[in-house]
Amino acid sequence: NGARHFLVIACTLDRLTLGLRPFWDQGTGPINWLDVAAPPKSTFWGVLNLAFGKRKTWMEKGGYAGGRAETLEVQCDAPFVLDGEVYPSHGHVRITTTQPIVFLSA
């Protein structure tokens, strides 16, 4: 549809580095997602609210969206970053999860 995005995050973590909680607890599923349209509206207040996991009514009207999902289907016609590595556009990206992995530490 030609929509432009400032930021898209999808992960199974409930919070990010430094305790940031940009995800809204809407929907069900293991994948937390955030989508901020470009250009973002009220960037300063938007980022501040996202950092603390606050969802304000003006944010949805301003292009901020988020929630939880079982699977995400993303149409992508530009390169994207996954775990710090840049990948070329594939047109369509499907994001799903697997069974949890247990890490052991001594």
C-alpha atoms as a PDB file:
ATOM      1  CA  ASN A   1       0.000   0.000   0.000  1.00  0.00           C
ATOM      2  CA  GLY A   2       3.056   2.280  -0.061  1.00  0.00           C
ATOM      3  CA  ALA A   3       2.935   3.059   3.663  1.00  0.00           C
ATOM      4  CA  ARG A   4       6.226   4.245   5.110  1.00  0.00           C
ATOM      5  CA  HIS A   5       7.467   3.170   8.523  1.00  0.00           C
ATOM      6  CA  PHE A   6       9.775   4.989  10.899  1.00  0.00           C
ATOM      7  CA  LEU A   7      10.257   1.980  13.171  1.00  0.00           C
ATOM      8  CA  VAL A   8       9.017  -1.606  13.303  1.00  0.00           C
ATOM      9  CA  ILE A   9      10.021  -3.921  16.160  1.00  0.00           C
ATOM     10  CA  ALA A  10       8.971  -7.534  16.646  1.00  0.00           C
ATOM     11  CA  CYS A  11      10.360  -9.744  19.393  1.00  0.00           C
ATOM     12  CA  THR A  12       9.370 -12.179  22.113  1.00  0.00           C
ATOM     13  CA  LEU A  13      10.880 -10.075  24.892  1.00  0.00           C
ATOM     14  CA  ASP A  14       8.549  -8.145  27.200  1.00  0.00           C
ATOM     15  CA  ARG A  15      11.142  -5.416  27.698  1.00  0.00           C
ATOM     16  CA  LEU A  16      14.260  -4.218  25.934  1.00  0.00           C
ATOM     17  CA  THR A  17      17.667  -3.029  27.130  1.00  0.00           C
ATOM     18  CA  LEU A  18      17.584  -0.552  30.027  1.00  0.00           C
ATOM     19  CA  GLY A  19      14.126  -1.808  30.997  1.00  0.00           C
ATOM     20  CA  LEU A  20      12.378  -0.110  28.063  1.00  0.00           C
ATOM     21  CA  ARG A  21       8.824  -1.380  27.542  1.00  0.00           C
ATOM     22  CA  PRO A  22       7.625  -0.111  24.151  1.00  0.00           C
ATOM     23  CA  PHE A  23       5.028  -2.850  23.687  1.00  0.00           C
ATOM     24  CA  TRP A  24       1.310  -2.625  24.311  1.00  0.00           C
ATOM     25  CA  ASP A  25      -0.348  -5.637  25.844  1.00  0.00           C
ATOM     26  CA  GLN A  26      -3.134  -5.979  23.269  1.00  0.00           C
ATOM     27  CA  GLY A  27      -3.987  -9.293  21.656  1.00  0.00           C
ATOM     28  CA  THR A  28      -2.509 -12.685  22.349  1.00  0.00           C
ATOM     29  CA  GLY A  29       0.588 -14.528  21.261  1.00  0.00           C
ATOM     30  CA  PRO A  30       4.280 -14.664  22.061  1.00  0.00           C
ATOM     31  CA  ILE A  31       5.378 -11.935  19.624  1.00  0.00           C
ATOM     32  CA  ASN A  32       5.348  -8.331  20.840  1.00  0.00           C
ATOM     33  CA  TRP A  33       5.245  -5.832  17.999  1.00  0.00           C
ATOM     34  CA  LEU A  34       5.461  -2.094  17.534  1.00  0.00           C
ATOM     35  CA  ASP A  35       4.916  -0.118  14.323  1.00  0.00           C
ATOM     36  CA  VAL A  36       5.525   3.626  14.068  1.00  0.00           C
ATOM     37  CA  ALA A  37       4.499   5.274  10.804  1.00  0.00           C
ATOM     38  CA  ALA A  38       6.814   7.731   9.051  1.00  0.00           C
ATOM     39  CA  PRO A  39       7.085  10.506   9.753  1.00  0.00           C
ATOM     40  CA  PRO A  40       6.162   9.958  13.403  1.00  0.00           C
ATOM     41  CA  LYS A  41       3.828  12.439  15.083  1.00  0.00           C
ATOM     42  CA  SER A  42       5.008  14.129  18.299  1.00  0.00           C
ATOM     43  CA  THR A  43       8.265  12.190  18.242  1.00  0.00           C
ATOM     44  CA  PHE A  44       9.515  13.359  21.650  1.00  0.00           C
ATOM     45  CA  TRP A  45       6.292  12.497  23.510  1.00  0.00           C
ATOM     46  CA  GLY A  46       5.820   9.326  21.481  1.00  0.00           C
ATOM     47  CA  VAL A  47       9.278   8.000  22.341  1.00  0.00           C
ATOM     48  CA  LEU A  48       8.867   8.994  25.983  1.00  0.00           C
ATOM     49  CA  ASN A  49       5.540   7.167  26.264  1.00  0.00           C
ATOM     50  CA  LEU A  50       6.884   4.113  24.422  1.00  0.00           C
ATOM     51  CA  ALA A  51       9.897   3.914  26.743  1.00  0.00           C
ATOM     52  CA  PHE A  52       7.578   3.471  29.705  1.00  0.00           C
ATOM     53  CA  GLY A  53       5.008   1.275  27.945  1.00  0.00           C
ATOM     54  CA  LYS A  54       2.314   3.933  28.094  1.00  0.00           C
ATOM     55  CA  ARG A  55      -0.377   3.962  25.439  1.00  0.00           C
ATOM     56  CA  LYS A  56      -2.151   7.261  24.877  1.00  0.00           C
ATOM     57  CA  THR A  57      -5.212   7.660  22.655  1.00  0.00           C
ATOM     58  CA  TRP A  58      -3.508  10.260  20.462  1.00  0.00           C
ATOM     59  CA  MET A  59      -0.747   7.771  19.611  1.00  0.00           C
ATOM     60  CA  GLU A  60      -2.954   5.440  17.573  1.00  0.00           C
ATOM     61  CA  LYS A  61      -4.310   8.373  15.564  1.00  0.00           C
ATOM     62  CA  GLY A  62      -0.714   9.578  15.151  1.00  0.00           C
ATOM     63  CA  GLY A  63       0.533   6.365  13.530  1.00  0.00           C
ATOM     64  CA  TYR A  64       1.687   4.381  16.562  1.00  0.00           C
ATOM     65  CA  ALA A  65       0.433   0.794  16.760  1.00  0.00           C
ATOM     66  CA  GLY A  66       1.394  -2.248  18.777  1.00  0.00           C
ATOM     67  CA  GLY A  67       0.250  -5.459  20.353  1.00  0.00           C
ATOM     68  CA  ARG A  68       0.852  -9.200  20.600  1.00  0.00           C
ATOM     69  CA  ALA A  69       0.492 -11.810  17.864  1.00  0.00           C
ATOM     70  CA  GLU A  70       0.991 -15.488  17.067  1.00  0.00           C
ATOM     71  CA  THR A  71       2.404 -14.646  13.614  1.00  0.00           C
ATOM     72  CA  LEU A  72       3.246 -11.442  11.744  1.00  0.00           C
ATOM     73  CA  GLU A  73       3.105 -11.013   7.979  1.00  0.00           C
ATOM     74  CA  VAL A  74       5.152  -8.045   6.749  1.00  0.00           C
ATOM     75  CA  GLN A  75       5.307  -6.666   3.209  1.00  0.00           C
ATOM     76  CA  CYS A  76       8.765  -5.166   2.830  1.00  0.00           C
ATOM     77  CA  ASP A  77      10.140  -3.534  -0.303  1.00  0.00           C
ATOM     78  CA  ALA A  78      13.279  -2.162   1.359  1.00  0.00           C
ATOM     79  CA  PRO A  79      16.249  -3.720   3.139  1.00  0.00           C
ATOM     80  CA  PHE A  80      15.591  -4.592   6.779  1.00  0.00           C
ATOM     81  CA  VAL A  81      17.685  -5.243   9.894  1.00  0.00           C
ATOM     82  CA  LEU A  82      17.408  -8.511  11.817  1.00  0.00           C
ATOM     83  CA  ASP A  83      19.593  -8.988  14.900  1.00  0.00           C
ATOM     84  CA  GLY A  84      21.905  -6.209  13.738  1.00  0.00           C
ATOM     85  CA  GLU A  85      22.411  -7.562  10.216  1.00  0.00           C
ATOM     86  CA  VAL A  86      21.014  -5.897   7.079  1.00  0.00           C
ATOM     87  CA  TYR A  87      19.073  -8.149   4.678  1.00  0.00           C
ATOM     88  CA  PRO A  88      17.853  -7.298   1.173  1.00  0.00           C
ATOM     89  CA  SER A  89      14.145  -6.928   0.518  1.00  0.00           C
ATOM     90  CA  HIS A  90      12.260 -10.178   0.014  1.00  0.00           C
ATOM     91  CA  GLY A  91       8.883  -8.576  -0.563  1.00  0.00           C
ATOM     92  CA  HIS A  92       7.218 -10.675   2.118  1.00  0.00           C
ATOM     93  CA  VAL A  93       8.494 -11.661   5.551  1.00  0.00           C
ATOM     94  CA  ARG A  94       6.662 -14.013   7.902  1.00  0.00           C
ATOM     95  CA  ILE A  95       7.605 -13.871  11.582  1.00  0.00           C
ATOM     96  CA  THR A  96       6.714 -16.824  13.807  1.00  0.00           C
ATOM     97  CA  THR A  97       8.096 -18.429  16.949  1.00  0.00           C
ATOM     98  CA  THR A  98       9.303 -21.883  17.891  1.00  0.00           C
ATOM     99  CA  GLN A  99       9.218 -23.727  21.183  1.00  0.00           C
ATOM    100  CA  PRO A 100      11.106 -21.908  23.972  1.00  0.00           C
ATOM    101  CA  ILE A 101      14.825 -22.640  24.255  1.00  0.00           C
ATOM    102  CA  VAL A 102      16.139 -23.332  27.745  1.00  0.00           C
ATOM    103  CA  PHE A 103      19.530 -21.841  28.594  1.00  0.00           C
ATOM    104  CA  LEU A 104      21.590 -23.274  31.413  1.00  0.00           C
ATOM    105  CA  SER A 105      24.174 -21.332  33.337  1.00  0.00           C
ATOM    106  CA  ALA A 106      26.607 -22.379  36.007  1.00  0.00           C
END
